Protein backbone atom coordinates (compact mmCIF):
# COMPACT_ATOMS: atom_id res chain seq x y z
CA MET A 1 19.79 -24.05 16.95
CA VAL A 2 22.14 -27.20 18.30
CA LYS A 3 24.28 -25.64 14.94
CA LYS A 4 24.44 -22.34 16.67
CA LEU A 5 25.21 -23.66 20.01
CA LEU A 6 28.16 -25.62 18.92
CA TYR A 7 29.30 -22.27 16.92
CA LEU A 8 29.36 -20.80 19.85
CA TRP A 9 30.90 -22.81 21.81
CA GLU A 10 33.81 -23.19 19.04
CA GLU A 11 34.20 -19.51 18.93
CA ILE A 12 34.20 -19.41 22.77
CA SER A 13 36.63 -22.41 23.13
CA ALA A 14 38.62 -20.17 20.72
CA SER A 15 38.44 -17.04 22.98
CA PHE A 16 41.86 -15.94 24.37
CA TRP A 17 40.69 -16.32 27.95
CA PHE A 18 39.36 -19.72 27.54
CA VAL A 19 42.05 -21.46 28.16
CA PRO A 20 43.72 -19.42 30.89
CA ILE A 21 40.40 -19.46 32.86
CA ILE A 22 40.61 -23.47 32.60
CA ILE A 23 43.49 -23.59 33.80
CA LEU A 24 42.98 -21.63 37.08
CA LEU A 25 40.26 -23.42 37.57
CA LEU A 26 42.28 -27.15 37.41
CA ALA A 27 44.91 -25.33 39.62
CA ILE A 28 42.29 -23.96 42.73
CA THR A 29 40.72 -27.86 41.95
CA ALA A 30 44.49 -29.44 42.33
CA ALA A 31 45.50 -27.39 45.49
CA PHE A 32 42.36 -28.22 47.59
CA GLY A 33 42.84 -31.54 46.57
CA LEU A 34 46.63 -31.75 47.38
CA ILE A 35 45.32 -29.93 50.74
CA TYR A 36 43.21 -32.71 51.56
CA LEU A 37 45.80 -35.23 50.50
CA ASP A 38 48.24 -34.23 52.46
CA SER A 39 45.26 -33.52 55.75
CA ARG A 40 45.35 -37.51 54.64
CA VAL A 41 48.93 -38.96 54.77
CA GLU A 42 51.73 -37.97 56.64
CA ILE A 43 55.17 -37.94 55.58
CA ARG A 44 58.07 -37.84 57.31
CA PRO A 45 61.36 -36.71 55.31
CA ASP A 46 63.93 -39.14 55.63
CA GLY A 47 67.88 -39.35 53.80
CA PHE A 48 67.27 -38.11 50.60
CA ALA A 49 64.10 -37.15 50.91
CA ILE A 50 64.75 -33.83 52.90
CA TYR A 51 66.72 -32.29 50.04
CA LEU A 52 62.92 -32.52 48.06
CA PHE A 53 60.21 -32.40 51.08
CA SER A 54 59.90 -29.07 53.31
CA GLY A 55 61.01 -30.12 56.78
CA SER A 56 59.29 -27.17 58.35
CA GLU A 57 56.87 -23.97 58.50
CA ASP A 58 59.59 -21.89 57.98
CA SER A 59 60.62 -23.70 54.85
CA ALA A 60 57.44 -24.13 53.14
CA ARG A 61 56.34 -20.47 53.45
CA ARG A 62 59.57 -19.23 51.93
CA ILE A 63 59.42 -22.17 49.24
CA LEU A 64 56.13 -20.72 48.37
CA THR A 65 56.26 -17.56 48.41
CA THR A 66 59.32 -17.11 46.69
CA ILE A 67 57.54 -19.18 43.70
CA ALA A 68 54.25 -17.16 43.95
CA ALA A 69 55.97 -13.80 44.06
CA ALA A 70 58.61 -15.43 41.12
CA ASN A 71 55.46 -16.27 38.82
CA ILE A 72 53.47 -13.45 39.07
CA GLY A 73 56.38 -11.68 38.18
CA ILE A 74 57.40 -13.70 35.07
CA ALA A 75 53.05 -13.51 34.33
CA GLY A 76 53.96 -9.46 33.90
CA THR A 77 56.71 -10.26 31.48
CA VAL A 78 54.42 -12.51 29.58
CA PHE A 79 52.08 -10.09 29.36
CA SER A 80 54.15 -7.14 28.05
CA ILE A 81 55.75 -9.26 25.50
CA THR A 82 53.08 -10.41 24.31
CA LEU A 83 51.49 -7.12 23.71
CA VAL A 84 54.74 -5.66 22.04
CA VAL A 85 54.13 -8.73 19.91
CA LEU A 86 50.58 -7.91 18.78
CA THR A 87 51.48 -4.27 18.59
CA LEU A 88 54.71 -5.65 15.60
CA ALA A 89 51.91 -7.75 13.81
CA SER A 90 49.39 -4.81 14.03
CA SER A 91 51.94 -2.31 12.45
CA GLN A 92 53.39 -4.56 10.49
CA LEU A 93 50.95 -7.30 9.25
CA GLY A 94 47.14 -5.61 9.83
CA SER A 95 45.08 -5.99 12.85
CA ARG A 96 42.99 -8.56 11.02
CA LEU A 97 46.15 -10.63 12.06
CA LEU A 98 45.56 -10.17 16.01
CA ARG A 99 43.10 -12.70 15.88
CA ASN A 100 45.81 -15.27 14.86
CA PHE A 101 47.93 -14.24 17.92
CA MET A 102 45.41 -14.14 20.49
CA TYR A 103 44.30 -17.27 19.03
CA ASP A 104 47.51 -19.20 19.95
CA LYS A 105 47.05 -21.56 22.22
CA ILE A 106 50.63 -21.73 23.44
CA ASN A 107 50.31 -18.32 24.16
CA GLN A 108 47.22 -18.90 26.14
CA VAL A 109 48.96 -21.55 28.18
CA VAL A 110 51.76 -20.22 28.82
CA LEU A 111 49.22 -17.19 30.79
CA GLY A 112 47.14 -19.21 32.04
CA THR A 113 50.22 -21.46 33.37
CA TYR A 114 52.04 -18.40 35.53
CA VAL A 115 48.67 -16.77 37.09
CA SER A 116 47.61 -20.55 37.70
CA THR A 117 50.56 -21.05 39.67
CA PHE A 118 50.37 -17.87 41.28
CA VAL A 119 46.87 -18.61 42.74
CA TYR A 120 47.89 -22.10 43.64
CA CYS A 121 50.84 -21.38 45.84
CA LEU A 122 48.67 -18.42 47.95
CA LEU A 123 45.97 -21.07 48.29
CA ILE A 124 48.95 -23.75 50.09
CA LEU A 125 50.57 -21.35 51.78
CA ASN A 126 47.25 -19.80 53.44
CA SER A 127 46.51 -23.58 54.82
CA ILE A 128 49.85 -23.74 56.51
CA VAL A 129 49.58 -23.86 60.19
CA HIS A 130 51.43 -23.51 63.36
CA ASN A 131 49.99 -22.60 66.62
CA ASP A 132 49.15 -23.87 70.18
CA GLY A 133 51.39 -26.90 69.00
CA ASN A 134 49.29 -27.91 66.41
CA SER A 135 51.14 -28.01 62.83
CA PHE A 136 50.11 -28.87 59.58
CA ILE A 137 52.52 -29.07 57.06
CA PRO A 138 51.22 -29.74 53.68
CA VAL A 139 54.82 -31.73 52.19
CA ILE A 140 53.42 -32.90 49.03
CA SER A 141 50.98 -29.95 47.61
CA VAL A 142 54.73 -27.83 48.41
CA PHE A 143 56.40 -30.43 46.51
CA VAL A 144 54.23 -30.05 43.35
CA ALA A 145 54.38 -25.66 43.88
CA ILE A 146 58.46 -26.94 43.31
CA LEU A 147 57.98 -29.40 40.02
CA ALA A 148 55.62 -26.62 38.72
CA ALA A 149 58.07 -23.32 39.42
CA ILE A 150 60.40 -26.24 36.98
CA ALA A 151 57.96 -26.54 34.07
CA GLY A 152 57.35 -22.77 34.30
CA ILE A 153 60.92 -22.28 33.55
CA ILE A 154 61.12 -24.77 30.51
CA LEU A 155 57.51 -23.06 29.39
CA LEU A 156 59.49 -19.99 29.14
CA ILE A 157 61.96 -21.06 27.18
CA ILE A 158 59.27 -22.33 24.83
CA PHE A 159 57.57 -19.58 24.81
CA ILE A 160 60.56 -16.92 24.05
CA HIS A 161 61.08 -19.31 21.28
CA HIS A 162 57.56 -19.73 19.85
CA VAL A 163 56.90 -15.83 19.89
CA SER A 164 60.04 -15.31 17.91
CA VAL A 165 59.38 -17.99 15.54
CA THR A 166 55.60 -16.94 15.18
CA ILE A 167 56.10 -13.20 14.74
CA GLN A 168 57.66 -13.40 10.73
CA ALA A 169 55.98 -12.85 8.57
CA ASN A 170 56.67 -16.18 6.29
CA ARG A 171 55.38 -18.18 8.68
CA VAL A 172 52.34 -16.08 9.45
CA VAL A 173 50.97 -16.62 6.27
CA SER A 174 52.45 -20.38 6.31
CA GLU A 175 49.79 -20.90 8.73
CA ILE A 176 46.81 -19.02 7.62
CA SER A 177 47.20 -21.02 4.32
CA ASN A 178 46.81 -24.17 6.46
CA SER A 179 44.26 -23.04 8.13
CA ILE A 180 42.57 -22.29 4.23
CA LEU A 181 43.59 -25.60 3.32
CA LYS A 182 42.04 -27.26 6.40
CA ASN A 183 38.71 -25.16 6.08
CA THR A 184 38.47 -25.82 2.18
CA GLU A 185 38.16 -29.37 2.66
CA LYS A 186 35.47 -29.13 5.27
CA LEU A 187 33.41 -26.61 2.80
CA PHE A 188 34.35 -28.01 -0.19
CA PRO A 189 34.56 -31.84 0.44
CA ASP A 190 33.72 -32.84 -3.18
CA GLU A 191 36.43 -33.14 -6.23
CA ILE A 192 34.82 -31.79 -9.24
CA GLY A 193 33.86 -33.60 -11.95
CA ASP A 194 31.33 -33.23 -14.90
CA GLU A 195 28.18 -30.94 -13.22
CA PRO A 196 25.36 -31.67 -14.66
CA ASP A 197 22.46 -28.81 -15.88
CA GLU A 198 20.45 -28.10 -13.27
CA PRO A 199 16.72 -26.63 -14.89
CA PHE A 200 16.44 -23.44 -12.51
CA PRO A 201 12.90 -21.18 -13.82
CA GLY A 202 14.53 -17.92 -11.89
CA GLN A 203 13.79 -16.63 -9.04
CA ASN A 204 11.09 -13.60 -10.73
CA PHE A 205 9.08 -17.17 -11.64
CA LEU A 206 9.14 -18.85 -8.24
CA LYS A 207 7.91 -16.24 -6.79
CA LYS A 208 4.74 -16.14 -9.17
CA SER A 209 4.12 -19.91 -8.16
CA PHE A 210 3.66 -19.22 -4.86
CA LYS A 211 0.82 -17.36 -2.96
CA PHE A 212 2.99 -15.74 -0.12
CA ILE A 213 6.27 -13.94 0.25
CA LYS A 214 7.67 -13.04 3.66
CA GLU A 215 10.85 -10.55 3.58
CA ILE A 216 13.16 -11.64 6.68
CA LYS A 217 14.93 -8.74 8.04
CA CYS A 218 18.15 -8.76 9.93
CA SER A 219 17.74 -8.27 13.85
CA LYS A 220 20.80 -6.05 14.27
CA ASN A 221 24.28 -5.19 12.30
CA GLY A 222 27.30 -6.85 12.15
CA TYR A 223 29.33 -9.40 10.19
CA LEU A 224 27.36 -12.43 8.99
CA GLN A 225 30.03 -15.47 10.66
CA SER A 226 27.62 -18.40 9.88
CA VAL A 227 24.54 -19.68 8.31
CA ASP A 228 22.93 -22.66 9.67
CA GLY A 229 21.97 -24.48 5.89
CA GLY A 230 20.43 -28.17 7.40
CA GLY A 231 18.13 -26.11 9.74
CA LEU A 232 16.88 -23.75 6.61
CA ILE A 233 15.87 -26.63 4.80
CA ASN A 234 14.36 -28.05 7.85
CA ILE A 235 12.41 -24.62 8.39
CA ALA A 236 11.37 -24.95 4.41
CA ARG A 237 10.27 -28.09 4.20
CA GLU A 238 8.04 -27.17 7.12
CA ASN A 239 6.96 -24.80 5.49
CA GLU A 240 5.81 -26.20 2.29
CA GLY A 241 7.96 -23.55 0.36
CA ILE A 242 11.54 -21.94 -0.19
CA ILE A 243 13.61 -19.67 1.35
CA ILE A 244 16.20 -17.72 -0.66
CA LEU A 245 19.16 -16.09 1.03
CA TYR A 246 20.72 -13.13 -0.57
CA TYR A 247 23.79 -12.69 1.97
CA ARG A 248 26.55 -15.21 2.28
CA PRO A 249 28.93 -15.06 5.65
CA GLY A 250 31.28 -12.71 5.33
CA ASN A 251 29.14 -10.12 4.44
CA PHE A 252 28.26 -7.13 6.16
CA MET A 253 24.12 -6.52 7.52
CA VAL A 254 22.68 -3.81 8.35
CA LYS A 255 19.42 -4.34 10.79
CA ASP A 256 16.51 -4.09 8.58
CA LEU A 257 18.36 -5.45 5.82
CA VAL A 258 16.04 -7.77 3.82
CA ILE A 259 18.59 -10.90 4.83
CA SER A 260 15.72 -13.11 2.49
CA GLU A 261 12.77 -14.48 1.59
CA VAL A 262 10.23 -16.76 1.91
CA LEU A 263 7.99 -17.90 -0.67
CA GLY A 264 4.77 -20.35 0.24
CA ASN A 265 1.46 -20.90 -0.68
CA LYS A 266 0.85 -21.11 3.27
CA GLU A 267 1.53 -17.34 5.17
CA CYS A 268 4.60 -17.72 6.99
CA SER A 269 4.23 -16.92 10.79
CA ASP A 270 6.25 -14.82 13.24
CA GLU A 271 7.52 -17.86 14.87
CA ILE A 272 8.83 -19.80 11.42
CA ALA A 273 10.43 -16.25 10.95
CA GLY A 274 11.91 -16.13 14.37
CA LYS A 275 13.57 -19.82 13.82
CA ILE A 276 15.02 -18.52 10.41
CA ASN A 277 16.45 -15.47 12.09
CA ASP A 278 18.06 -17.99 14.53
CA SER A 279 19.71 -19.79 11.66
CA PHE A 280 22.35 -16.92 11.19
CA ILE A 281 24.61 -15.91 13.51
CA ILE A 282 25.46 -12.42 13.18
CA GLY A 283 29.02 -10.78 15.38
CA LYS A 284 31.27 -7.87 14.95
CA LEU A 285 33.76 -9.33 13.46
CA ARG A 286 34.34 -11.88 10.30
CA THR A 287 35.73 -15.66 11.18
CA PRO A 288 37.22 -17.69 9.17
CA LEU A 289 34.84 -20.47 9.98
CA GLN A 290 32.42 -20.56 6.87
CA ASP A 291 34.16 -17.59 5.16
CA VAL A 292 37.11 -19.15 3.46
CA GLU A 293 37.50 -15.23 1.32
CA PHE A 294 38.55 -13.87 4.93
CA SER A 295 41.47 -15.70 5.44
CA ILE A 296 41.67 -15.18 2.22
CA ASP A 297 41.77 -11.18 2.36
CA GLN A 298 44.45 -11.66 5.72
CA ILE A 299 47.36 -13.27 2.88
CA ALA A 300 46.62 -10.26 0.77
CA GLU A 301 46.75 -8.07 3.13
CA ILE A 302 50.15 -9.19 4.22
CA ALA A 303 51.32 -8.67 0.77
CA SER A 304 49.67 -5.07 0.30
CA ARG A 305 51.62 -3.47 3.59
CA ALA A 306 54.86 -5.32 2.63
CA LEU A 307 54.72 -3.62 -0.88
CA SER A 308 54.05 -0.03 0.63
CA PRO A 309 56.48 2.87 0.56
CA GLY A 310 57.06 2.09 4.04
CA ILE A 311 57.59 -1.03 4.57
CA ASN A 312 58.68 -1.69 0.80
CA ASP A 313 59.22 -5.51 1.57
CA PRO A 314 58.43 -7.44 -2.37
CA TYR A 315 59.73 -10.85 -0.81
CA THR A 316 57.41 -11.22 1.85
CA ALA A 317 54.38 -10.48 -1.25
CA ILE A 318 56.36 -12.86 -3.03
CA ALA A 319 55.74 -15.75 -0.45
CA CYS A 320 51.95 -14.56 0.04
CA ILE A 321 50.94 -15.04 -3.60
CA ASP A 322 52.99 -18.18 -3.39
CA ASN A 323 50.49 -19.01 -0.65
CA LEU A 324 47.82 -18.04 -2.36
CA THR A 325 48.74 -19.74 -5.41
CA SER A 326 48.64 -23.15 -3.47
CA VAL A 327 45.12 -22.23 -2.03
CA MET A 328 43.63 -21.36 -5.49
CA CYS A 329 45.36 -24.75 -6.90
CA ARG A 330 43.49 -26.73 -4.26
CA LEU A 331 39.84 -24.96 -5.21
CA ALA A 332 40.67 -25.22 -8.27
CA THR A 333 39.78 -28.81 -7.85
CA ARG A 334 37.07 -28.50 -5.70
CA LYS A 335 33.19 -28.17 -6.27
CA PHE A 336 31.76 -25.40 -5.05
CA PRO A 337 28.47 -25.67 -3.37
CA HIS A 338 25.28 -24.92 -5.68
CA PRO A 339 23.48 -22.41 -4.88
CA ASN A 340 20.14 -24.24 -5.23
CA ARG A 341 19.65 -26.59 -1.84
CA TYR A 342 17.52 -29.45 -1.98
CA ASP A 343 15.72 -32.14 0.59
CA ARG A 344 16.35 -35.84 0.69
CA GLU A 345 12.64 -35.86 -1.73
CA GLY A 346 14.62 -34.14 -4.33
CA ARG A 347 12.66 -30.87 -3.94
CA LEU A 348 14.24 -27.35 -3.87
CA ARG A 349 13.84 -26.17 -0.36
CA VAL A 350 17.07 -23.00 0.10
CA ILE A 351 18.55 -20.51 -3.29
CA ALA A 352 21.81 -19.08 -1.34
CA SER A 353 23.94 -17.23 -2.19
CA SER A 354 27.19 -19.21 -2.78
CA LEU A 355 30.82 -18.85 -3.40
CA THR A 356 31.99 -18.71 -6.85
CA PHE A 357 36.25 -19.76 -8.00
CA GLY A 358 36.11 -16.59 -9.83
CA GLY A 359 35.25 -14.66 -6.67
CA MET A 360 37.94 -16.35 -4.69
CA LEU A 361 40.60 -15.79 -7.56
CA ASN A 362 39.53 -12.09 -7.83
CA ALA A 363 39.28 -12.01 -3.86
CA ALA A 364 42.75 -13.26 -3.92
CA PHE A 365 44.89 -11.21 -6.73
CA ASN A 366 42.49 -7.98 -7.88
CA GLN A 367 44.30 -6.07 -4.78
CA LEU A 368 47.89 -7.26 -5.18
CA ARG A 369 47.43 -6.74 -8.68
CA HIS A 370 46.82 -2.71 -8.35
CA ASP A 371 49.80 -2.46 -5.25
CA ALA A 372 52.25 -4.30 -7.48
CA GLU A 373 52.03 -2.19 -11.06
CA ARG A 374 55.64 -1.04 -9.97
CA ASN A 375 57.19 -3.84 -9.08
CA PRO A 376 58.47 -6.66 -11.83
CA SER A 377 59.18 -9.14 -9.62
CA VAL A 378 56.01 -9.17 -8.00
CA ILE A 379 53.90 -8.57 -11.04
CA LYS A 380 55.82 -11.99 -12.66
CA LYS A 381 55.35 -14.20 -9.97
CA LEU A 382 51.34 -13.19 -10.25
CA MET A 383 51.70 -14.33 -14.12
CA GLU A 384 53.96 -17.31 -13.01
CA SER A 385 51.12 -18.16 -10.36
CA MET A 386 48.25 -18.04 -12.97
CA ILE A 387 50.47 -20.60 -15.10
CA VAL A 388 50.32 -22.60 -12.39
CA ILE A 389 46.92 -22.75 -11.44
CA ASN A 390 45.70 -23.00 -14.62
CA HIS A 391 47.33 -26.76 -14.27
CA PHE A 392 45.17 -27.57 -12.10
CA VAL A 393 41.98 -26.25 -13.58
CA LYS A 394 39.88 -28.84 -15.86
CA ASN A 395 36.59 -26.69 -16.25
CA GLY A 396 36.53 -24.08 -19.15
CA ASP A 397 35.14 -21.30 -17.59
CA ARG A 398 37.43 -21.51 -14.61
CA LYS A 399 40.29 -21.04 -17.42
CA LYS A 400 38.59 -18.17 -18.86
CA GLU A 401 38.36 -16.69 -15.61
CA ILE A 402 42.14 -17.11 -14.84
CA LEU A 403 43.00 -16.02 -18.63
CA GLU A 404 40.87 -12.51 -17.63
CA HIS A 405 43.18 -11.65 -14.53
CA ALA A 406 46.27 -12.96 -16.62
CA ASN A 407 44.93 -10.14 -19.36
CA MET A 408 44.85 -7.49 -17.03
CA ILE A 409 48.22 -8.81 -15.40
CA MET A 410 49.88 -8.31 -19.19
CA GLY A 411 48.20 -4.61 -19.56
CA SER A 412 49.06 -3.58 -16.26
CA ALA A 413 52.64 -4.52 -17.01
CA GLU A 414 52.70 -2.89 -20.52
CA ARG A 415 51.94 0.50 -18.85
CA ASN A 416 54.28 0.58 -16.19
CA PHE A 417 57.40 -1.52 -16.96
CA GLN A 418 60.12 0.10 -18.17
CA GLU A 419 62.98 -2.61 -19.41
CA LYS A 420 61.50 -4.20 -22.13
CA ARG A 421 63.43 -7.64 -21.03
CA ASP A 422 60.80 -7.44 -18.26
CA LEU A 423 58.29 -7.17 -20.75
CA ASP A 424 59.14 -10.09 -23.27
CA TYR A 425 59.74 -12.20 -20.33
CA LEU A 426 56.32 -11.68 -19.14
CA LYS A 427 55.21 -12.35 -22.97
CA GLN A 428 56.52 -15.04 -23.34
CA LYS A 429 54.71 -16.18 -20.18
CA PHE A 430 51.53 -14.89 -20.90
CA ASN A 431 50.93 -16.69 -24.27
CA SER A 432 52.43 -20.38 -23.03
CA LEU A 433 49.17 -19.29 -20.53
CA ASN A 434 47.43 -18.69 -23.75
CA SER A 435 48.11 -21.33 -25.68
CA GLU A 436 47.01 -23.74 -22.93
CA SER A 437 44.07 -22.05 -22.70
């Protein structure tokens, strides 16, 4: 449950509206705090200070009104620019990339700052009093509003530069690739080594070894976003049994689909079944937190769109292949989690549906290979990528999977290449890869 709450908090804190609301609350708090400070500290501008601090109610009102009107106008402009960027990103890079732009912290800070400055000025403006000889001019608060206006101008320049940079396809692909590499360190922390063969009798034999088998059905439709593996091990330990998982993060779940089974020598209660269901987080969208394939699919989608007849941008596709190659080289040196999970006493508690190197290789390059069949430059790049990845692979089974992909790339070239020199170049690369494997 704690892990589930932490996951939900991470999702909320990354949401588009979270940062603007936090900045807005800080602006409201600052407004009341500075008004209180102005009521306690009397400042009479003198000398050069009269050019920095407002000396009359009218000047204070004019300053705050101007700043408020300008900020709400700029906020509208920023919203418009953001919508244009989202439209371009959706049409050229794919709708899945909208999440990356919406979660961009600079965009969130900029929108939050202008709206918050507008609200701050309204609150300060409302505090100015001048009636029956009683006057109150929040000098410090007005000065802070001027500083916020200057900061807003600088922020607008930063925002325009940031938008012009982030909309570039190469930058987007690089950001996704860096995100995958960081996520890889969390999900695959161990480097590959000699993996001992773990004796495993098979699921059918295990099911015959226990008296009770209970099916756990999915509670709603949606994508499986996260699984609390540690929590499931504890639940299986309490029930003195084994939990079999049939799906992993990234798979789409249908209500009442059997998502797992509980094997035990005592009957699984509805309470334990509820705890198991609580260990799964199911949402409307895929997220990259535990789903590395989602980010890989994003890069592959950009490459596929770049190779479409409407866009026809092979250089973007080649940039995508370069970044996918970097990711697969990192994964080639990592030990993938074993499907069998044990407790501290060394007893089997969870059998999970785990990622494999071959599955990741398929997700990265299968669709790309189909889309690039008639593009020799991209096909050549795919073969070169197989050679580079093969240099990092030490496991024999993984080398076979790379060789299978190279065979498919070679077959595609033989069917579609018109120029003999292109085909000869590819055969040379393929033979060098074949000799190394």
